[in-house]
Amino acid sequence: MNKEFQLHPEQASTFAGQVDLLYFFVIAVSVFFMALICVLVYSFSVKYRRKTPDQMAETQAHENLLLEITWSAIPFALMMIMFGWGTYLFFKVYQVPDGAMSYYVVGKQWMWHIQHPTGQREINELHVPVNTPIKLTMASEDVIHSFFIPAFRVKNDVIPGRYTTMTFEATKTGTFHLFCAEYCGTEHSRMVGSVVSMEPEDYQRWLSGGISDETPEQTGAKLFSQLNCATCHSDQPGARGPSLNGKFGAEETLSSGDKVVVDEAYIRESILNPRTKIVAGYQSIMPMYQGQVTETQIFNLISYIKTLQATQGAK
């Protein structure tokens, strides 16, 4: 058989084998019951067919409670196994492991823009080290896209106006297909790329040969200064905005009395539309930056804000 022909993509991540096992289990159960039903329908149609033109059907009904319970309980049990198994895999696939390398992905018509933790940027390519957990934080600048790596058995939508995450761990070196799995416009079919899985040593050599003037944190710090964010967001008494030092991951109390966790989504919303959630004790004076900063710049600002706790020791 032609080696290039495959019924399904090769398994190249820690999730791939588990996802395929569930998939083949569902297929096996479906084929078994389809065959069983076909055999029973054929057998009953032959066994209980009308033998003569004037033969009448029996009017007496025969009930078998055990049989009825059996043919209801067995499919129910199989469905619950599939549901429980699928739920377990769902949460496992979307649970980000500790120590995962964080990449930022921006989808736009019709390309993928990817930024490494060390600042390197790629278009329609993603280089990752093998046997290392990877976390992708993704956003869209226009319409809904979907980041899909068949060999890793991972896929998640990339939605405008919010962040989505995806995690995987490659187990093989090589180059694997990357697709947009959500129709996003006339050039959707050309929104393709590749994921290159490399040995850690090769990945480090690749990084050293790439162009990286600064890390996302450094770029974010410059942008933070250019936008004059520190003018309002400081620890000084009488500051016009809440301090950002040490706030990432903590709870903030809003003027409405509600509490919100300061995470990526909250910071992004506060940059683009700051009047949506106003921190208690402050006025709504921050300008809106919708259309003034790109998704990549927002990623960089968030990366910098995450470091403020360590660098400035906010109260």
Protein backbone atom coordinates (compact mmCIF):
# COMPACT_ATOMS: atom_id res chain seq x y z
CA MET A 1 0.00 0.00 0.00
CA ASN A 2 1.17 3.53 -0.76
CA LYS A 3 2.81 4.93 2.38
CA GLU A 4 1.38 8.36 1.64
CA PHE A 5 -2.16 6.98 1.84
CA GLN A 6 -3.49 6.86 5.41
CA LEU A 7 -6.97 6.26 6.72
CA HIS A 8 -6.20 8.61 9.58
CA PRO A 9 -3.22 10.85 10.47
CA GLU A 10 -0.28 9.42 12.37
CA GLN A 11 -0.21 9.71 16.13
CA ALA A 12 2.27 12.36 17.21
CA SER A 13 1.11 13.64 20.61
CA THR A 14 0.29 12.34 24.06
CA PHE A 15 -3.44 12.75 23.31
CA ALA A 16 -3.49 11.08 19.91
CA GLY A 17 -3.53 7.46 21.07
CA GLN A 18 -6.22 8.07 23.69
CA VAL A 19 -8.45 9.97 21.26
CA ASP A 20 -8.06 7.26 18.61
CA LEU A 21 -8.87 4.52 21.12
CA LEU A 22 -12.17 6.19 22.00
CA TYR A 23 -12.88 6.81 18.33
CA PHE A 24 -12.33 3.18 17.35
CA PHE A 25 -14.37 2.00 20.33
CA VAL A 26 -17.33 4.09 19.14
CA ILE A 27 -16.86 2.80 15.58
CA ALA A 28 -16.64 -0.83 16.77
CA VAL A 29 -19.81 -0.54 18.88
CA SER A 30 -21.66 1.15 16.01
CA VAL A 31 -20.57 -1.46 13.45
CA PHE A 32 -21.41 -4.33 15.81
CA PHE A 33 -24.96 -3.14 16.46
CA MET A 34 -25.52 -2.21 12.83
CA ALA A 35 -24.50 -5.73 11.80
CA LEU A 36 -26.58 -7.28 14.59
CA ILE A 37 -29.68 -5.32 13.60
CA CYS A 38 -29.21 -6.19 9.92
CA VAL A 39 -28.85 -9.91 10.74
CA LEU A 40 -31.88 -9.88 13.04
CA VAL A 41 -34.04 -8.01 10.53
CA TYR A 42 -33.11 -10.47 7.80
CA SER A 43 -33.54 -13.52 10.06
CA PHE A 44 -36.92 -12.43 11.37
CA SER A 45 -38.16 -11.49 7.91
CA VAL A 46 -37.31 -15.00 6.72
CA LYS A 47 -38.45 -16.92 9.80
CA TYR A 48 -41.73 -15.08 10.26
CA ARG A 49 -42.62 -14.41 6.67
CA ARG A 50 -46.07 -15.32 5.40
CA LYS A 51 -45.91 -18.95 4.29
CA THR A 52 -49.18 -19.00 2.35
CA PRO A 53 -51.33 -16.23 0.86
CA ASP A 54 -54.13 -16.81 3.35
CA GLN A 55 -51.94 -17.10 6.46
CA MET A 56 -52.95 -14.72 9.24
CA ALA A 57 -50.66 -13.19 11.83
CA GLU A 58 -50.93 -14.35 15.42
CA THR A 59 -52.96 -11.95 17.54
CA GLN A 60 -51.49 -13.05 20.86
CA ALA A 61 -48.73 -10.77 22.16
CA HIS A 62 -45.85 -12.28 24.10
CA GLU A 63 -44.08 -10.10 26.67
CA ASN A 64 -40.60 -10.70 28.03
CA LEU A 65 -39.68 -8.18 30.72
CA LEU A 66 -36.11 -9.45 31.04
CA LEU A 67 -35.53 -9.06 27.30
CA GLU A 68 -36.90 -5.52 27.29
CA ILE A 69 -34.74 -4.53 30.26
CA THR A 70 -31.69 -6.09 28.59
CA TRP A 71 -32.03 -4.33 25.26
CA SER A 72 -32.54 -1.03 27.09
CA ALA A 73 -29.82 -1.45 29.73
CA ILE A 74 -27.00 -2.57 27.41
CA PRO A 75 -27.21 0.41 25.00
CA PHE A 76 -27.62 2.77 27.97
CA ALA A 77 -24.50 1.36 29.63
CA LEU A 78 -22.51 1.66 26.40
CA MET A 79 -23.66 5.25 25.91
CA MET A 80 -22.64 6.12 29.47
CA ILE A 81 -19.21 4.55 28.90
CA MET A 82 -18.76 6.68 25.78
CA PHE A 83 -19.99 9.79 27.58
CA GLY A 84 -17.77 9.28 30.63
CA TRP A 85 -14.74 8.38 28.52
CA GLY A 86 -15.26 11.37 26.23
CA THR A 87 -15.77 13.74 29.17
CA TYR A 88 -12.56 12.53 30.79
CA LEU A 89 -10.58 13.10 27.59
CA PHE A 90 -12.21 16.49 27.02
CA PHE A 91 -11.09 17.84 30.38
CA LYS A 92 -7.68 16.23 30.02
CA VAL A 93 -7.10 17.77 26.61
CA TYR A 94 -8.12 21.25 27.76
CA GLN A 95 -6.32 21.19 31.10
CA VAL A 96 -3.08 23.16 30.83
CA PRO A 97 -0.22 21.34 32.61
CA ASP A 98 2.09 23.17 34.97
CA GLY A 99 5.26 24.49 33.40
CA ALA A 100 3.90 24.54 29.84
CA MET A 101 5.64 26.83 27.35
CA SER A 102 3.28 29.68 26.43
CA TYR A 103 2.86 30.75 22.82
CA TYR A 104 0.56 33.45 21.46
CA VAL A 105 -1.43 32.82 18.27
CA VAL A 106 -3.38 35.38 16.28
CA GLY A 107 -5.62 34.20 13.46
CA LYS A 108 -6.63 36.56 10.69
CA GLN A 109 -7.72 36.28 7.11
CA TRP A 110 -5.89 34.23 5.97
CA MET A 111 -2.84 33.44 8.04
CA TRP A 112 -1.60 32.38 11.48
CA HIS A 113 0.69 34.76 13.35
CA ILE A 114 2.59 32.97 16.12
CA GLN A 115 4.84 34.44 18.79
CA HIS A 116 7.27 32.37 20.87
CA PRO A 117 7.95 32.89 24.59
CA THR A 118 11.36 34.27 23.62
CA GLY A 119 9.92 36.73 21.11
CA GLN A 120 10.48 34.95 17.78
CA ARG A 121 7.59 35.35 15.39
CA GLU A 122 6.39 33.01 12.67
CA ILE A 123 3.78 33.08 9.96
CA ASN A 124 1.91 29.80 9.30
CA GLU A 125 4.63 27.81 11.07
CA LEU A 126 5.06 26.71 14.65
CA HIS A 127 8.32 25.24 15.91
CA VAL A 128 8.07 23.37 19.22
CA PRO A 129 10.37 21.09 21.23
CA VAL A 130 9.35 17.44 21.49
CA ASN A 131 8.20 15.98 24.83
CA THR A 132 7.45 19.44 26.19
CA PRO A 133 3.96 20.67 27.18
CA ILE A 134 2.86 23.57 25.00
CA LYS A 135 0.12 26.10 25.76
CA LEU A 136 -1.36 28.26 23.00
CA THR A 137 -3.31 31.39 23.89
CA MET A 138 -5.26 32.32 20.79
CA ALA A 139 -7.29 35.27 19.50
CA SER A 140 -8.73 36.41 16.19
CA GLU A 141 -8.54 39.83 14.57
CA ASP A 142 -11.54 39.36 12.28
CA VAL A 143 -13.76 36.25 12.05
CA ILE A 144 -13.93 32.84 13.70
CA HIS A 145 -11.04 30.54 12.83
CA SER A 146 -10.13 27.11 14.18
CA PHE A 147 -6.60 25.93 14.99
CA PHE A 148 -6.38 22.25 14.01
CA ILE A 149 -3.39 19.90 14.13
CA PRO A 150 -4.66 16.48 12.94
CA ALA A 151 -1.57 14.50 13.99
CA PHE A 152 -1.89 15.83 17.54
CA ARG A 153 -5.70 15.30 17.63
CA VAL A 154 -6.21 18.82 18.99
CA LYS A 155 -8.47 21.57 17.68
CA ASN A 156 -10.02 24.69 19.16
CA ASP A 157 -11.88 27.67 17.77
CA VAL A 158 -10.17 31.05 17.63
CA ILE A 159 -12.89 33.60 18.33
CA PRO A 160 -12.83 37.40 17.95
CA GLY A 161 -13.32 39.27 21.19
CA ARG A 162 -12.13 36.53 23.53
CA TYR A 163 -9.20 34.24 24.29
CA THR A 164 -9.20 30.50 23.83
CA THR A 165 -6.44 28.13 24.87
CA MET A 166 -5.12 24.84 23.63
CA THR A 167 -2.45 22.51 24.93
CA PHE A 168 -0.52 19.57 23.51
CA GLU A 169 2.73 17.69 23.87
CA ALA A 170 4.43 16.35 20.76
CA THR A 171 5.92 12.86 21.03
CA LYS A 172 7.53 12.65 17.58
CA THR A 173 9.85 14.87 15.62
CA GLY A 174 8.76 15.89 12.17
CA THR A 175 6.60 18.33 10.24
CA PHE A 176 2.83 18.07 10.68
CA HIS A 177 -0.09 19.75 8.97
CA LEU A 178 -1.80 22.79 10.48
CA PHE A 179 -5.25 23.78 9.21
CA CYS A 180 -8.00 26.28 9.83
CA ALA A 181 -11.01 24.02 10.41
CA GLU A 182 -13.64 26.79 10.36
CA TYR A 183 -14.77 28.37 7.08
CA CYS A 184 -13.48 31.95 7.33
CA GLY A 185 -13.81 33.43 3.85
CA THR A 186 -12.86 33.02 0.23
CA GLU A 187 -9.23 32.10 0.96
CA HIS A 188 -10.06 29.68 3.77
CA SER A 189 -8.56 26.71 1.92
CA ARG A 190 -5.20 28.51 1.77
CA MET A 191 -5.06 29.15 5.51
CA VAL A 192 -2.72 26.23 6.12
CA GLY A 193 0.63 25.82 7.77
CA SER A 194 2.84 23.35 9.57
CA VAL A 195 3.97 22.43 13.06
CA VAL A 196 7.62 21.44 13.27
CA SER A 197 8.43 19.24 16.26
CA MET A 198 12.14 19.18 17.10
CA GLU A 199 14.48 17.71 19.65
CA PRO A 200 15.09 20.23 22.46
CA GLU A 201 18.71 20.77 21.37
CA ASP A 202 17.66 21.38 17.76
CA TYR A 203 14.90 23.71 18.93
CA GLN A 204 17.40 25.78 20.93
CA ARG A 205 19.66 26.00 17.89
CA TRP A 206 16.68 27.09 15.80
CA LEU A 207 15.86 29.78 18.37
CA SER A 208 19.41 31.07 18.37
CA GLY A 209 19.30 31.43 14.59
CA GLY A 210 15.97 33.25 14.58
CA ILE A 211 15.48 37.00 14.68
CA SER A 212 14.38 38.07 18.14
CA ASP A 213 15.15 41.61 19.20
CA GLU A 214 13.23 41.31 22.46
CA THR A 215 10.89 39.08 24.42
CA PRO A 216 7.13 39.73 24.61
CA GLU A 217 7.65 41.12 28.12
CA GLN A 218 10.23 43.64 26.87
CA THR A 219 8.04 44.64 23.93
CA GLY A 220 5.10 45.01 26.30
CA ALA A 221 7.13 47.19 28.66
CA LYS A 222 8.00 49.57 25.81
CA LEU A 223 4.38 49.70 24.69
CA PHE A 224 3.26 50.25 28.28
CA SER A 225 5.53 53.28 28.37
CA GLN A 226 4.55 54.56 24.93
CA LEU A 227 0.86 54.48 25.83
CA ASN A 228 1.63 56.29 29.11
CA CYS A 229 -0.10 53.57 31.11
CA ALA A 230 2.13 54.21 34.14
CA THR A 231 0.76 57.77 34.40
CA CYS A 232 -2.47 56.42 35.90
CA HIS A 233 -1.64 52.85 36.93
CA SER A 234 0.83 53.33 39.76
CA ASP A 235 1.21 52.69 43.49
CA GLN A 236 1.34 56.39 44.26
CA PRO A 237 -1.37 57.85 46.51
CA GLY A 238 -4.07 59.57 44.48
CA ALA A 239 -3.34 57.59 41.33
CA ARG A 240 -6.14 57.87 38.80
CA GLY A 241 -6.13 54.16 38.02
CA PRO A 242 -5.63 50.96 40.01
CA SER A 243 -2.13 49.62 40.39
CA LEU A 244 -1.28 46.64 38.21
CA ASN A 245 1.62 45.48 40.34
CA GLY A 246 1.08 41.95 41.54
CA LYS A 247 -2.54 41.94 40.40
CA PHE A 248 -2.41 39.19 37.78
CA GLY A 249 -4.29 36.15 39.05
CA ALA A 250 -5.75 38.06 42.00
CA GLU A 251 -9.33 39.22 42.56
CA GLU A 252 -10.37 42.81 41.96
CA THR A 253 -13.52 44.41 43.37
CA LEU A 254 -15.59 46.38 40.86
CA SER A 255 -17.70 49.47 41.44
CA SER A 256 -20.77 47.26 41.10
CA GLY A 257 -19.62 45.21 44.08
CA ASP A 258 -18.84 42.16 41.96
CA LYS A 259 -15.45 40.50 42.04
CA VAL A 260 -13.44 39.53 38.98
CA VAL A 261 -10.21 37.61 38.50
CA VAL A 262 -7.47 39.61 36.81
CA ASP A 263 -6.62 37.23 33.96
CA GLU A 264 -5.83 37.57 30.26
CA ALA A 265 -9.45 38.05 29.27
CA TYR A 266 -10.06 40.74 31.90
CA ILE A 267 -6.92 42.70 30.97
CA ARG A 268 -7.79 42.52 27.27
CA GLU A 269 -11.31 43.78 27.91
CA SER A 270 -9.99 46.56 30.14
CA ILE A 271 -7.66 47.73 27.37
CA LEU A 272 -10.21 47.68 24.57
CA ASN A 273 -13.31 48.71 26.51
CA PRO A 274 -12.33 49.92 30.00
CA ARG A 275 -15.79 51.22 30.87
CA THR A 276 -17.26 47.71 30.99
CA LYS A 277 -15.74 46.81 34.37
CA ILE A 278 -14.60 49.71 36.53
CA VAL A 279 -12.57 49.01 39.66
CA ALA A 280 -14.15 50.25 42.87
CA GLY A 281 -12.88 53.65 43.98
CA TYR A 282 -11.87 54.87 40.51
CA GLN A 283 -13.51 56.96 37.82
CA SER A 284 -14.18 55.90 34.24
CA ILE A 285 -11.50 58.05 32.65
CA MET A 286 -9.37 55.51 30.78
CA PRO A 287 -9.60 55.94 26.98
CA MET A 288 -10.68 53.06 24.77
CA TYR A 289 -7.90 51.45 22.73
CA GLN A 290 -10.19 49.54 20.39
CA GLY A 291 -8.61 49.75 16.93
CA GLN A 292 -5.45 51.39 18.28
CA VAL A 293 -3.59 48.26 19.37
CA THR A 294 -3.38 44.90 17.65
CA GLU A 295 -3.98 41.50 19.22
CA THR A 296 -0.24 40.87 19.19
CA GLN A 297 0.40 44.12 21.07
CA ILE A 298 -2.24 43.16 23.63
CA PHE A 299 -0.50 39.82 24.13
CA ASN A 300 2.76 41.68 24.75
CA LEU A 301 1.13 44.07 27.24
CA ILE A 302 -0.35 41.13 29.13
CA SER A 303 3.03 39.41 29.19
CA TYR A 304 4.56 42.52 30.74
CA ILE A 305 1.77 42.96 33.30
CA LYS A 306 2.29 39.37 34.40
CA THR A 307 5.88 40.22 35.38
CA LEU A 308 5.03 43.28 37.47
CA GLN A 309 4.57 41.26 40.62
CA ALA A 310 8.09 39.88 40.39
CA THR A 311 9.78 43.05 39.19
CA GLN A 312 8.08 45.69 41.27
CA GLY A 313 6.64 43.85 44.25
CA ALA A 314 3.26 45.53 44.26
CA LYS A 315 1.19 45.79 47.40
